[in-house]
């Protein structure tokens, strides 16, 4: 004879189930004895059986809603991660384009300067030409760099490249 935690005498009975149902129970890790006991207690308890079943339905529905809500949160989180990855990719692409543009300007300036002294070109920089005497030379240099780069290059990019070239020649 067995006794449960409440001191109730327990007796064993055999229950016949389809093999497929038994496999599902085992996969879900369901304690069949506890499940059957709970259902029988509900059936024979003083509670209204319909109210007990309604309560279970409400609990199951609340669990489903909670899982659906968690799936939505997970999907939103993954979408946010993907947006962040896209932003990082875009920033890297922009950085790589800027680097390629700077490298192209530097290469074009090296071709233009050739074996000459880069310092000779410092006179055409806009900040070194306060009266605009060499503005035509500066614009011609910017156009030539743009042509050698194969794309329109702005004046500031050429100025930065020329300053770096002049600084490197002084070292």
C-alpha atoms as a PDB file:
ATOM      1  CA  UNK A   1       0.000   0.000   0.000  1.00  0.00           C
ATOM      2  CA  UNK A   2       1.186   3.518  -0.909  1.00  0.00           C
ATOM      3  CA  UNK A   3       0.311   6.809   0.730  1.00  0.00           C
ATOM      4  CA  UNK A   4       0.685  10.246  -0.853  1.00  0.00           C
ATOM      5  CA  UNK A   5       2.012  13.425   0.804  1.00  0.00           C
ATOM      6  CA  UNK A   6      -1.461  14.249   2.118  1.00  0.00           C
ATOM      7  CA  UNK A   7      -1.814  10.842   3.754  1.00  0.00           C
ATOM      8  CA  UNK A   8      -4.264   9.523   1.161  1.00  0.00           C
ATOM      9  CA  UNK A   9      -4.054   5.842   0.317  1.00  0.00           C
ATOM     10  CA  UNK A  10      -3.042   5.256  -3.311  1.00  0.00           C
ATOM     11  CA  UNK A  11      -3.897   2.272  -5.463  1.00  0.00           C
ATOM     12  CA  UNK A  12      -2.470   1.386  -8.860  1.00  0.00           C
ATOM     13  CA  UNK A  13      -4.603   0.850 -11.963  1.00  0.00           C
ATOM     14  CA  UNK A  14      -3.588   0.126 -15.542  1.00  0.00           C
ATOM     15  CA  UNK A  15      -4.566   2.541 -18.278  1.00  0.00           C
ATOM     16  CA  UNK A  16      -4.540   1.475 -21.913  1.00  0.00           C
ATOM     17  CA  UNK A  17      -3.449   4.177 -24.353  1.00  0.00           C
ATOM     18  CA  UNK A  18      -2.683   4.224 -28.076  1.00  0.00           C
ATOM     19  CA  UNK A  19       1.071   3.909 -28.671  1.00  0.00           C
ATOM     20  CA  UNK A  20       1.174   7.277 -30.494  1.00  0.00           C
ATOM     21  CA  UNK A  21      -0.365   9.075 -27.497  1.00  0.00           C
ATOM     22  CA  UNK A  22       2.118   7.409 -25.151  1.00  0.00           C
ATOM     23  CA  UNK A  23       5.000   8.555 -27.391  1.00  0.00           C
ATOM     24  CA  UNK A  24       3.684  12.135 -27.317  1.00  0.00           C
ATOM     25  CA  UNK A  25       3.412  12.015 -23.541  1.00  0.00           C
ATOM     26  CA  UNK A  26       7.017  10.802 -23.263  1.00  0.00           C
ATOM     27  CA  UNK A  27       8.308  13.431 -25.722  1.00  0.00           C
ATOM     28  CA  UNK A  28       6.552  16.205 -23.793  1.00  0.00           C
ATOM     29  CA  UNK A  29       7.925  14.874 -20.506  1.00  0.00           C
ATOM     30  CA  UNK A  30       4.429  14.725 -19.062  1.00  0.00           C
ATOM     31  CA  UNK A  31       3.949  12.915 -15.749  1.00  0.00           C
ATOM     32  CA  UNK A  32       0.970  10.763 -16.735  1.00  0.00           C
ATOM     33  CA  UNK A  33       0.099   9.705 -13.185  1.00  0.00           C
ATOM     34  CA  UNK A  34       0.049  13.297 -11.918  1.00  0.00           C
ATOM     35  CA  UNK A  35      -1.975  14.427 -14.927  1.00  0.00           C
ATOM     36  CA  UNK A  36      -4.616  11.733 -14.497  1.00  0.00           C
ATOM     37  CA  UNK A  37      -4.806  12.402 -10.738  1.00  0.00           C
ATOM     38  CA  UNK A  38      -5.293  16.138 -11.318  1.00  0.00           C
ATOM     39  CA  UNK A  39      -8.025  15.564 -13.891  1.00  0.00           C
ATOM     40  CA  UNK A  40      -9.858  13.131 -11.638  1.00  0.00           C
ATOM     41  CA  UNK A  41      -9.566  15.495  -8.659  1.00  0.00           C
ATOM     42  CA  UNK A  42     -11.086  18.269 -10.779  1.00  0.00           C
ATOM     43  CA  UNK A  43     -13.844  15.949 -11.948  1.00  0.00           C
ATOM     44  CA  UNK A  44     -14.775  14.757  -8.456  1.00  0.00           C
ATOM     45  CA  UNK A  45     -13.925  17.831  -6.411  1.00  0.00           C
ATOM     46  CA  UNK A  46     -16.480  20.226  -5.004  1.00  0.00           C
ATOM     47  CA  UNK A  47     -15.598  22.847  -7.660  1.00  0.00           C
ATOM     48  CA  UNK A  48     -17.786  23.294 -10.639  1.00  0.00           C
ATOM     49  CA  UNK A  49     -16.189  21.220 -13.389  1.00  0.00           C
ATOM     50  CA  UNK A  50     -17.085  23.737 -16.084  1.00  0.00           C
ATOM     51  CA  UNK A  51     -15.481  26.585 -14.121  1.00  0.00           C
ATOM     52  CA  UNK A  52     -12.301  24.519 -13.624  1.00  0.00           C
ATOM     53  CA  UNK A  53     -12.159  23.791 -17.359  1.00  0.00           C
ATOM     54  CA  UNK A  54     -12.804  27.458 -18.184  1.00  0.00           C
ATOM     55  CA  UNK A  55      -9.979  28.456 -15.868  1.00  0.00           C
ATOM     56  CA  UNK A  56      -7.639  26.040 -17.641  1.00  0.00           C
ATOM     57  CA  UNK A  57      -8.719  27.422 -21.018  1.00  0.00           C
ATOM     58  CA  UNK A  58      -7.988  30.955 -19.781  1.00  0.00           C
ATOM     59  CA  UNK A  59      -4.568  29.889 -18.531  1.00  0.00           C
ATOM     60  CA  UNK A  60      -3.745  28.176 -21.826  1.00  0.00           C
ATOM     61  CA  UNK A  61      -4.905  31.248 -23.769  1.00  0.00           C
ATOM     62  CA  UNK A  62      -2.815  33.534 -21.553  1.00  0.00           C
ATOM     63  CA  UNK A  63       0.214  31.296 -22.148  1.00  0.00           C
ATOM     64  CA  UNK A  64      -0.367  31.412 -25.919  1.00  0.00           C
ATOM     65  CA  UNK A  65      -0.680  35.204 -25.859  1.00  0.00           C
ATOM     66  CA  UNK A  66       2.477  35.473 -23.795  1.00  0.00           C
ATOM     67  CA  UNK A  67       4.402  33.279 -26.244  1.00  0.00           C
ATOM     68  CA  UNK A  68       3.072  35.278 -29.211  1.00  0.00           C
ATOM     69  CA  UNK A  69       4.077  38.510 -27.476  1.00  0.00           C
ATOM     70  CA  UNK A  70       7.573  37.115 -26.839  1.00  0.00           C
ATOM     71  CA  UNK A  71       7.847  36.079 -30.517  1.00  0.00           C
ATOM     72  CA  UNK A  72       6.916  39.644 -31.551  1.00  0.00           C
ATOM     73  CA  UNK A  73       9.523  41.068 -29.181  1.00  0.00           C
ATOM     74  CA  UNK A  74      12.143  38.657 -30.558  1.00  0.00           C
ATOM     75  CA  UNK A  75      11.235  39.582 -34.141  1.00  0.00           C
ATOM     76  CA  UNK A  76      11.450  43.309 -33.352  1.00  0.00           C
ATOM     77  CA  UNK A  77      14.805  42.790 -31.643  1.00  0.00           C
ATOM     78  CA  UNK A  78      16.124  40.867 -34.656  1.00  0.00           C
ATOM     79  CA  UNK A  79      14.839  43.574 -37.017  1.00  0.00           C
ATOM     80  CA  UNK A  80      16.618  46.204 -34.906  1.00  0.00           C
ATOM     81  CA  UNK A  81      19.839  44.164 -35.026  1.00  0.00           C
ATOM     82  CA  UNK A  82      19.530  43.898 -38.813  1.00  0.00           C
ATOM     83  CA  UNK A  83      18.991  47.687 -39.073  1.00  0.00           C
ATOM     84  CA  UNK A  84      22.100  48.210 -36.955  1.00  0.00           C
ATOM     85  CA  UNK A  85      24.089  45.806 -39.162  1.00  0.00           C
ATOM     86  CA  UNK A  86      22.870  47.680 -42.255  1.00  0.00           C
ATOM     87  CA  UNK A  87      23.945  50.983 -40.720  1.00  0.00           C
ATOM     88  CA  UNK A  88      27.392  49.596 -39.939  1.00  0.00           C
ATOM     89  CA  UNK A  89      27.709  48.241 -43.491  1.00  0.00           C
ATOM     90  CA  UNK A  90      26.704  51.625 -44.900  1.00  0.00           C
ATOM     91  CA  UNK A  91      29.192  53.471 -42.677  1.00  0.00           C
ATOM     92  CA  UNK A  92      31.964  51.078 -43.701  1.00  0.00           C
ATOM     93  CA  UNK A  93      31.098  51.505 -47.377  1.00  0.00           C
ATOM     94  CA  UNK A  94      31.127  55.293 -47.002  1.00  0.00           C
ATOM     95  CA  UNK A  95      34.463  55.141 -45.162  1.00  0.00           C
ATOM     96  CA  UNK A  96      35.922  52.897 -47.873  1.00  0.00           C
ATOM     97  CA  UNK A  97      34.664  55.263 -50.595  1.00  0.00           C
ATOM     98  CA  UNK A  98      36.189  58.257 -48.799  1.00  0.00           C
ATOM     99  CA  UNK A  99      39.478  56.390 -48.416  1.00  0.00           C
ATOM    100  CA  UNK A 100      39.448  55.410 -52.099  1.00  0.00           C
ATOM    101  CA  UNK A 101      38.702  59.026 -53.043  1.00  0.00           C
ATOM    102  CA  UNK A 102      41.617  60.283 -50.867  1.00  0.00           C
ATOM    103  CA  UNK A 103      43.919  57.643 -52.321  1.00  0.00           C
ATOM    104  CA  UNK A 104      42.840  58.591 -55.850  1.00  0.00           C
ATOM    105  CA  UNK A 105      43.515  62.283 -55.169  1.00  0.00           C
ATOM    106  CA  UNK A 106      46.922  61.441 -53.655  1.00  0.00           C
ATOM    107  CA  UNK A 107      47.853  59.296 -56.686  1.00  0.00           C
ATOM    108  CA  UNK A 108      46.700  62.000 -59.113  1.00  0.00           C
ATOM    109  CA  UNK A 109      48.694  64.663 -57.261  1.00  0.00           C
ATOM    110  CA  UNK A 110      51.793  62.439 -57.357  1.00  0.00           C
ATOM    111  CA  UNK A 111      51.366  62.107 -61.122  1.00  0.00           C
ATOM    112  CA  UNK A 112      50.978  65.867 -61.519  1.00  0.00           C
ATOM    113  CA  UNK A 113      53.892  66.789 -59.267  1.00  0.00           C
ATOM    114  CA  UNK A 114      56.070  64.043 -60.734  1.00  0.00           C
ATOM    115  CA  UNK A 115      59.714  64.554 -59.898  1.00  0.00           C
ATOM    116  CA  UNK A 116      59.161  68.204 -58.995  1.00  0.00           C
ATOM    117  CA  UNK A 117      58.949  69.774 -55.573  1.00  0.00           C
ATOM    118  CA  UNK A 118      55.457  69.555 -53.998  1.00  0.00           C
ATOM    119  CA  UNK A 119      56.269  72.725 -52.071  1.00  0.00           C
ATOM    120  CA  UNK A 120      56.125  74.651 -55.342  1.00  0.00           C
ATOM    121  CA  UNK A 121      52.385  73.917 -55.432  1.00  0.00           C
ATOM    122  CA  UNK A 122      51.787  75.401 -51.977  1.00  0.00           C
ATOM    123  CA  UNK A 123      51.458  78.864 -53.557  1.00  0.00           C
ATOM    124  CA  UNK A 124      48.280  77.810 -55.407  1.00  0.00           C
ATOM    125  CA  UNK A 125      46.466  76.641 -52.244  1.00  0.00           C
ATOM    126  CA  UNK A 126      43.536  79.024 -51.650  1.00  0.00           C
ATOM    127  CA  UNK A 127      44.696  79.911 -48.115  1.00  0.00           C
ATOM    128  CA  UNK A 128      48.128  80.904 -49.512  1.00  0.00           C
ATOM    129  CA  UNK A 129      46.549  83.086 -52.229  1.00  0.00           C
ATOM    130  CA  UNK A 130      44.705  85.828 -50.298  1.00  0.00           C
ATOM    131  CA  UNK A 131      44.296  88.068 -53.349  1.00  0.00           C
ATOM    132  CA  UNK A 132      43.157  85.314 -55.732  1.00  0.00           C
ATOM    133  CA  UNK A 133      46.110  85.815 -58.082  1.00  0.00           C
ATOM    134  CA  UNK A 134      46.449  82.069 -58.675  1.00  0.00           C
ATOM    135  CA  UNK A 135      42.743  81.083 -58.632  1.00  0.00           C
ATOM    136  CA  UNK A 136      42.960  80.007 -62.273  1.00  0.00           C
ATOM    137  CA  UNK A 137      45.929  77.747 -61.497  1.00  0.00           C
ATOM    138  CA  UNK A 138      44.036  76.272 -58.520  1.00  0.00           C
ATOM    139  CA  UNK A 139      40.907  75.563 -60.561  1.00  0.00           C
ATOM    140  CA  UNK A 140      43.039  74.007 -63.331  1.00  0.00           C
ATOM    141  CA  UNK A 141      44.736  71.775 -60.726  1.00  0.00           C
ATOM    142  CA  UNK A 142      41.369  70.677 -59.312  1.00  0.00           C
ATOM    143  CA  UNK A 143      40.058  69.894 -62.833  1.00  0.00           C
ATOM    144  CA  UNK A 144      43.215  67.932 -63.688  1.00  0.00           C
ATOM    145  CA  UNK A 145      43.004  65.900 -60.468  1.00  0.00           C
ATOM    146  CA  UNK A 146      39.314  65.219 -61.191  1.00  0.00           C
ATOM    147  CA  UNK A 147      40.140  64.075 -64.712  1.00  0.00           C
ATOM    148  CA  UNK A 148      42.924  61.742 -63.467  1.00  0.00           C
ATOM    149  CA  UNK A 149      40.619  60.333 -60.769  1.00  0.00           C
ATOM    150  CA  UNK A 150      37.828  59.781 -63.266  1.00  0.00           C
ATOM    151  CA  UNK A 151      35.319  61.502 -60.988  1.00  0.00           C
ATOM    152  CA  UNK A 152      34.489  64.981 -59.802  1.00  0.00           C
ATOM    153  CA  UNK A 153      36.748  65.876 -56.868  1.00  0.00           C
ATOM    154  CA  UNK A 154      35.985  68.862 -54.668  1.00  0.00           C
ATOM    155  CA  UNK A 155      38.450  71.620 -53.957  1.00  0.00           C
ATOM    156  CA  UNK A 156      38.736  70.708 -50.258  1.00  0.00           C
ATOM    157  CA  UNK A 157      39.764  67.134 -51.113  1.00  0.00           C
ATOM    158  CA  UNK A 158      42.502  68.377 -53.438  1.00  0.00           C
ATOM    159  CA  UNK A 159      43.681  70.883 -50.800  1.00  0.00           C
ATOM    160  CA  UNK A 160      43.885  68.145 -48.140  1.00  0.00           C
ATOM    161  CA  UNK A 161      45.758  65.839 -50.500  1.00  0.00           C
ATOM    162  CA  UNK A 162      48.192  68.579 -51.541  1.00  0.00           C
ATOM    163  CA  UNK A 163      48.862  69.569 -47.919  1.00  0.00           C
ATOM    164  CA  UNK A 164      49.663  65.936 -47.033  1.00  0.00           C
ATOM    165  CA  UNK A 165      51.935  65.617 -50.042  1.00  0.00           C
ATOM    166  CA  UNK A 166      53.767  68.832 -49.117  1.00  0.00           C
ATOM    167  CA  UNK A 167      54.117  67.707 -45.480  1.00  0.00           C
ATOM    168  CA  UNK A 168      55.491  64.316 -46.557  1.00  0.00           C
ATOM    169  CA  UNK A 169      58.040  66.000 -48.855  1.00  0.00           C
ATOM    170  CA  UNK A 170      59.317  68.139 -45.968  1.00  0.00           C
ATOM    171  CA  UNK A 171      60.133  65.132 -43.801  1.00  0.00           C
END
